[in-house]
C-alpha atoms as a PDB file:
ATOM      1  CA  UNK A   1      78.036 -74.542 -53.779  1.00  0.00           C
ATOM      2  CA  UNK A   2      81.432 -75.190 -52.198  1.00  0.00           C
ATOM      3  CA  UNK A   3      84.319 -73.064 -53.424  1.00  0.00           C
ATOM      4  CA  UNK A   4      87.222 -74.863 -55.130  1.00  0.00           C
ATOM      5  CA  UNK A   5      89.603 -71.913 -54.818  1.00  0.00           C
ATOM      6  CA  UNK A   6      89.728 -68.372 -53.475  1.00  0.00           C
ATOM      7  CA  UNK A   7      89.185 -67.126 -57.032  1.00  0.00           C
ATOM      8  CA  UNK A   8      85.669 -68.566 -56.831  1.00  0.00           C
ATOM      9  CA  UNK A   9      84.698 -66.657 -53.669  1.00  0.00           C
ATOM     10  CA  UNK A  10      82.099 -63.867 -53.852  1.00  0.00           C
ATOM     11  CA  UNK A  11      83.556 -60.438 -54.666  1.00  0.00           C
ATOM     12  CA  UNK A  12      82.674 -59.081 -51.218  1.00  0.00           C
ATOM     13  CA  UNK A  13      85.059 -61.689 -49.785  1.00  0.00           C
ATOM     14  CA  UNK A  14      87.707 -61.958 -52.484  1.00  0.00           C
ATOM     15  CA  UNK A  15      88.191 -58.229 -53.029  1.00  0.00           C
ATOM     16  CA  UNK A  16      88.288 -57.203 -49.368  1.00  0.00           C
ATOM     17  CA  UNK A  17      89.928 -59.939 -47.291  1.00  0.00           C
ATOM     18  CA  UNK A  18      93.626 -60.822 -47.212  1.00  0.00           C
ATOM     19  CA  UNK A  19      94.458 -64.174 -48.801  1.00  0.00           C
ATOM     20  CA  UNK A  20      94.791 -66.016 -45.476  1.00  0.00           C
ATOM     21  CA  UNK A  21      91.388 -64.716 -44.364  1.00  0.00           C
ATOM     22  CA  UNK A  22      89.958 -65.900 -47.686  1.00  0.00           C
ATOM     23  CA  UNK A  23      91.393 -69.363 -46.951  1.00  0.00           C
ATOM     24  CA  UNK A  24      89.636 -69.327 -43.572  1.00  0.00           C
ATOM     25  CA  UNK A  25      86.347 -68.193 -45.123  1.00  0.00           C
ATOM     26  CA  UNK A  26      86.486 -70.833 -47.856  1.00  0.00           C
ATOM     27  CA  UNK A  27      87.327 -73.670 -45.447  1.00  0.00           C
ATOM     28  CA  UNK A  28      84.567 -72.705 -43.005  1.00  0.00           C
ATOM     29  CA  UNK A  29      81.989 -72.265 -45.762  1.00  0.00           C
ATOM     30  CA  UNK A  30      82.903 -75.559 -47.428  1.00  0.00           C
ATOM     31  CA  UNK A  31      82.680 -77.314 -44.068  1.00  0.00           C
ATOM     32  CA  UNK A  32      79.238 -75.843 -43.301  1.00  0.00           C
ATOM     33  CA  UNK A  33      77.844 -76.363 -46.814  1.00  0.00           C
ATOM     34  CA  UNK A  34      76.883 -80.066 -46.529  1.00  0.00           C
ATOM     35  CA  UNK A  35      74.915 -79.442 -43.356  1.00  0.00           C
ATOM     36  CA  UNK A  36      72.985 -76.311 -44.354  1.00  0.00           C
ATOM     37  CA  UNK A  37      72.673 -76.307 -48.159  1.00  0.00           C
ATOM     38  CA  UNK A  38      70.308 -79.312 -48.385  1.00  0.00           C
ATOM     39  CA  UNK A  39      67.925 -77.377 -46.122  1.00  0.00           C
ATOM     40  CA  UNK A  40      68.100 -74.329 -48.402  1.00  0.00           C
ATOM     41  CA  UNK A  41      70.070 -72.392 -45.802  1.00  0.00           C
ATOM     42  CA  UNK A  42      73.165 -71.312 -47.748  1.00  0.00           C
ATOM     43  CA  UNK A  43      73.068 -67.967 -45.914  1.00  0.00           C
ATOM     44  CA  UNK A  44      73.839 -69.811 -42.672  1.00  0.00           C
ATOM     45  CA  UNK A  45      76.997 -71.260 -44.234  1.00  0.00           C
ATOM     46  CA  UNK A  46      78.074 -67.729 -45.212  1.00  0.00           C
ATOM     47  CA  UNK A  47      77.434 -66.441 -41.662  1.00  0.00           C
ATOM     48  CA  UNK A  48      79.505 -69.301 -40.251  1.00  0.00           C
ATOM     49  CA  UNK A  49      82.315 -68.455 -42.657  1.00  0.00           C
ATOM     50  CA  UNK A  50      82.286 -64.776 -41.640  1.00  0.00           C
ATOM     51  CA  UNK A  51      82.303 -65.758 -37.968  1.00  0.00           C
ATOM     52  CA  UNK A  52      85.384 -67.906 -38.598  1.00  0.00           C
ATOM     53  CA  UNK A  53      87.168 -64.980 -40.260  1.00  0.00           C
ATOM     54  CA  UNK A  54      86.253 -62.675 -37.370  1.00  0.00           C
ATOM     55  CA  UNK A  55      87.921 -65.027 -34.893  1.00  0.00           C
ATOM     56  CA  UNK A  56      91.257 -64.319 -36.608  1.00  0.00           C
ATOM     57  CA  UNK A  57      90.836 -60.890 -38.230  1.00  0.00           C
ATOM     58  CA  UNK A  58      89.221 -57.588 -37.400  1.00  0.00           C
ATOM     59  CA  UNK A  59      88.541 -54.536 -39.492  1.00  0.00           C
ATOM     60  CA  UNK A  60      90.427 -51.311 -38.923  1.00  0.00           C
ATOM     61  CA  UNK A  61      89.007 -48.625 -41.164  1.00  0.00           C
ATOM     62  CA  UNK A  62      88.544 -50.399 -44.466  1.00  0.00           C
ATOM     63  CA  UNK A  63      91.319 -52.960 -43.931  1.00  0.00           C
ATOM     64  CA  UNK A  64      91.083 -56.451 -42.423  1.00  0.00           C
ATOM     65  CA  UNK A  65      94.073 -57.132 -40.169  1.00  0.00           C
ATOM     66  CA  UNK A  66      95.069 -60.193 -38.123  1.00  0.00           C
ATOM     67  CA  UNK A  67      94.144 -60.207 -34.455  1.00  0.00           C
ATOM     68  CA  UNK A  68      97.317 -60.241 -32.400  1.00  0.00           C
ATOM     69  CA  UNK A  69      97.537 -63.056 -29.835  1.00  0.00           C
END
């Protein structure tokens, strides 16, 4: 189901990503949800959300940091 706030995100997102990256994840997931959820493909919406985060952040060690322009 769509996420109303970052507090509702799964722990693997909420506990590891910076707040801005969580915003990106939530927006991308909520945007993909109407297209994929009715087909029973929620996992696709999560993959789309992670892809959106990875366009703006990358992981260094255990920390997610913004990609410099």
